[in-house]
Amino acid sequence: MIERRSFNEIRTVGRRIEGYAATFNSEARIGKFVEKIAPGAFREALAGDVLAMLDHDPGKVLGRTRSGTLRLTEDSRGLAFSLDLPDTQPGRDVLALAERGDLGGMSFGFTVPQGGESWQGEQRTLRNVSLKEISVVSAWPAYPDTEIALRARQNGADAERRRRALILARVNA
């Protein structure tokens, strides 16, 4: 299943919004464990087609890397994005809310390929993620420790695939 994380940094430039969809080495409490994203975790994902959506809703696509309306880069801080907003109702809504400073933040949806994470006790480090989408969050990114579905973690280096559930967690950058 796709996991999701949220961040707060968006600015407007004309009909474009920019900011960070994720930041590196910032710790987030996700239920009973702490998680951080290692620099380079998105490197492989940047070659694929990634969507930009409103509130993780596939019916509200705002852009995509394949068409060039969404641009993603990794820098020393994290996963930076630049999104040209469409002249659609969701695009106009995002622009108006961004200009007023009323957006909740950014989020991203991902899966973790085998070997893409490491555990040290109750700390998870994401080293390689398969990025599926980034989302503008119009209302509230979830607060730390807020889960909308349970996620299971199996112990041991030889663990089979970990079951994934949707989780929204706000990370203070």
Protein backbone atom coordinates (compact mmCIF):
# COMPACT_ATOMS: atom_id res chain seq x y z
CA MET A 1 0.00 0.00 0.00
CA ILE A 2 1.06 3.59 -0.50
CA GLU A 3 2.31 5.50 2.53
CA ARG A 4 1.91 9.27 2.83
CA ARG A 5 3.80 12.03 4.66
CA SER A 6 3.08 15.76 4.99
CA PHE A 7 5.21 18.93 5.09
CA ASN A 8 4.53 22.66 5.22
CA GLU A 9 6.32 24.78 2.67
CA ILE A 10 4.61 26.31 -0.34
CA ARG A 11 5.11 29.62 -2.13
CA THR A 12 3.49 31.06 -5.25
CA VAL A 13 5.16 32.49 -8.35
CA GLY A 14 2.46 33.47 -10.87
CA ARG A 15 0.42 30.32 -11.59
CA ARG A 16 3.18 28.15 -10.18
CA ILE A 17 3.68 26.88 -6.66
CA GLU A 18 7.04 25.77 -5.35
CA GLY A 19 8.44 24.34 -2.18
CA TYR A 20 9.47 21.05 -0.63
CA ALA A 21 7.38 17.91 -0.67
CA ALA A 22 9.83 16.24 1.77
CA THR A 23 12.88 17.22 3.78
CA PHE A 24 15.86 15.06 4.64
CA ASN A 25 16.96 14.02 8.11
CA SER A 26 13.90 15.52 9.84
CA GLU A 27 12.46 13.10 12.34
CA ALA A 28 8.76 12.33 12.34
CA ARG A 29 6.93 10.29 14.96
CA ILE A 30 4.78 7.77 13.11
CA GLY A 31 2.77 5.85 15.67
CA LYS A 32 5.26 4.04 17.88
CA PHE A 33 8.38 4.69 15.83
CA VAL A 34 10.42 7.58 14.51
CA GLU A 35 11.14 7.97 10.81
CA LYS A 36 13.52 10.05 8.76
CA ILE A 37 14.36 10.32 5.09
CA ALA A 38 17.98 9.94 4.04
CA PRO A 39 19.46 12.19 1.36
CA GLY A 40 19.18 10.48 -2.03
CA ALA A 41 16.03 8.51 -1.10
CA PHE A 42 14.15 9.90 -4.11
CA ARG A 43 16.99 9.67 -6.66
CA GLU A 44 15.68 6.65 -8.56
CA ALA A 45 12.05 7.81 -8.37
CA LEU A 46 12.85 11.06 -10.16
CA ALA A 47 13.29 9.17 -13.44
CA GLY A 48 9.67 7.94 -13.35
CA ASP A 49 6.32 9.60 -13.92
CA VAL A 50 5.14 11.26 -10.70
CA LEU A 51 1.74 12.93 -10.32
CA ALA A 52 0.84 16.10 -8.44
CA MET A 53 -2.64 15.94 -6.90
CA LEU A 54 -4.89 17.83 -4.56
CA ASP A 55 -5.42 15.98 -1.27
CA HIS A 56 -4.18 12.66 -2.73
CA ASP A 57 -7.27 12.59 -4.95
CA PRO A 58 -6.54 10.97 -8.35
CA GLY A 59 -9.58 12.83 -9.68
CA LYS A 60 -7.81 16.13 -9.00
CA VAL A 61 -4.55 15.88 -10.92
CA LEU A 62 -2.65 19.17 -10.92
CA GLY A 63 0.35 18.10 -13.00
CA ARG A 64 2.86 15.37 -13.70
CA THR A 65 6.52 14.99 -14.45
CA ARG A 66 5.88 13.25 -17.79
CA SER A 67 4.18 16.35 -19.20
CA GLY A 68 6.70 18.75 -17.66
CA THR A 69 4.08 20.56 -15.56
CA LEU A 70 5.65 19.12 -12.40
CA ARG A 71 9.38 19.36 -11.83
CA LEU A 72 11.08 17.51 -9.00
CA THR A 73 14.67 17.75 -7.85
CA GLU A 74 16.67 16.62 -4.88
CA ASP A 75 18.94 19.14 -3.23
CA SER A 76 20.74 19.17 0.11
CA ARG A 77 17.50 20.03 1.94
CA GLY A 78 15.06 17.56 0.40
CA LEU A 79 12.65 16.91 -2.44
CA ALA A 80 11.97 20.27 -4.08
CA PHE A 81 9.05 20.75 -6.43
CA SER A 82 7.82 23.33 -8.92
CA LEU A 83 4.26 22.89 -10.19
CA ASP A 84 2.53 24.83 -12.97
CA LEU A 85 -1.11 24.92 -11.88
CA PRO A 86 -3.77 24.13 -14.48
CA ASP A 87 -6.69 26.43 -15.23
CA THR A 88 -9.12 23.93 -13.72
CA GLN A 89 -11.27 24.33 -10.62
CA PRO A 90 -8.79 22.44 -8.38
CA GLY A 91 -5.90 24.45 -9.87
CA ARG A 92 -7.68 27.76 -9.27
CA ASP A 93 -8.59 26.70 -5.73
CA VAL A 94 -4.99 25.77 -4.91
CA LEU A 95 -3.70 29.04 -6.31
CA ALA A 96 -6.21 31.13 -4.35
CA LEU A 97 -5.51 29.26 -1.10
CA ALA A 98 -1.74 29.41 -1.62
CA GLU A 99 -1.81 33.17 -2.25
CA ARG A 100 -3.75 33.67 0.99
CA GLY A 101 -1.48 31.32 2.94
CA ASP A 102 -4.39 29.01 3.70
CA LEU A 103 -3.00 25.69 2.45
CA GLY A 104 -2.23 23.01 4.97
CA GLY A 105 1.06 21.96 3.36
CA MET A 106 2.51 19.29 1.11
CA SER A 107 2.41 15.53 1.29
CA PHE A 108 3.75 12.65 -0.74
CA GLY A 109 2.68 9.08 -1.42
CA PHE A 110 5.24 6.31 -1.77
CA THR A 111 6.08 2.66 -1.43
CA VAL A 112 9.33 1.23 -0.16
CA PRO A 113 11.09 -1.30 -2.37
CA GLN A 114 12.83 -4.25 -0.75
CA GLY A 115 16.02 -3.00 0.89
CA GLY A 116 14.88 0.64 0.74
CA GLU A 117 14.63 1.08 4.49
CA SER A 118 16.68 0.31 7.55
CA TRP A 119 15.67 -0.05 11.16
CA GLN A 120 17.62 0.73 14.29
CA GLY A 121 15.40 -0.16 17.21
CA GLU A 122 12.29 1.96 16.76
CA GLN A 123 13.85 4.30 14.19
CA ARG A 124 13.15 3.78 10.51
CA THR A 125 15.33 5.42 7.87
CA LEU A 126 14.00 5.59 4.32
CA ARG A 127 16.96 5.21 1.95
CA ASN A 128 15.11 4.50 -1.30
CA VAL A 129 11.43 5.14 -2.00
CA SER A 130 9.26 4.63 -5.05
CA LEU A 131 7.56 8.02 -5.26
CA LYS A 132 4.02 7.79 -6.66
CA GLU A 133 2.68 11.29 -6.10
CA ILE A 134 3.01 14.55 -4.27
CA SER A 135 -0.08 16.31 -3.03
CA VAL A 136 -1.09 19.77 -2.03
CA VAL A 137 -2.97 19.38 1.25
CA SER A 138 -5.77 21.92 1.38
CA ALA A 139 -6.80 21.53 4.99
CA TRP A 140 -4.83 19.76 7.71
CA PRO A 141 -1.93 17.46 7.30
CA ALA A 142 -2.27 14.91 10.08
CA TYR A 143 -0.54 15.68 13.33
CA PRO A 144 2.27 13.49 14.65
CA ASP A 145 1.04 10.13 15.95
CA THR A 146 -2.22 10.41 14.01
CA GLU A 147 -2.89 7.28 11.98
CA ILE A 148 -5.82 6.68 9.70
CA ALA A 149 -5.01 3.02 9.30
CA LEU A 150 -2.79 0.57 11.12
CA ARG A 151 0.61 -0.27 9.69
CA ALA A 152 2.35 -3.48 10.60
CA ARG A 153 6.08 -3.81 11.09
CA GLN A 154 7.75 -7.19 11.05
CA ASN A 155 11.03 -7.57 12.91
CA GLY A 156 14.18 -9.05 11.47
CA ALA A 157 16.39 -8.49 8.47
CA ASP A 158 14.78 -11.40 6.62
CA ALA A 159 11.25 -10.06 6.99
CA GLU A 160 9.03 -10.64 4.00
CA ARG A 161 7.20 -7.70 2.55
CA ARG A 162 5.94 -5.29 5.19
CA ARG A 163 2.25 -4.56 5.02
CA ARG A 164 1.59 -0.89 4.27
CA ALA A 165 -1.39 1.22 5.24
CA LEU A 166 -2.24 4.84 4.67
CA ILE A 167 -0.64 7.12 7.22
CA LEU A 168 -0.58 10.88 7.25
CA ALA A 169 1.99 12.49 9.49
CA ARG A 170 2.99 16.08 9.72
CA VAL A 171 6.73 16.61 9.89
CA ASN A 172 8.06 19.83 11.31
CA ALA A 173 10.90 20.85 9.01
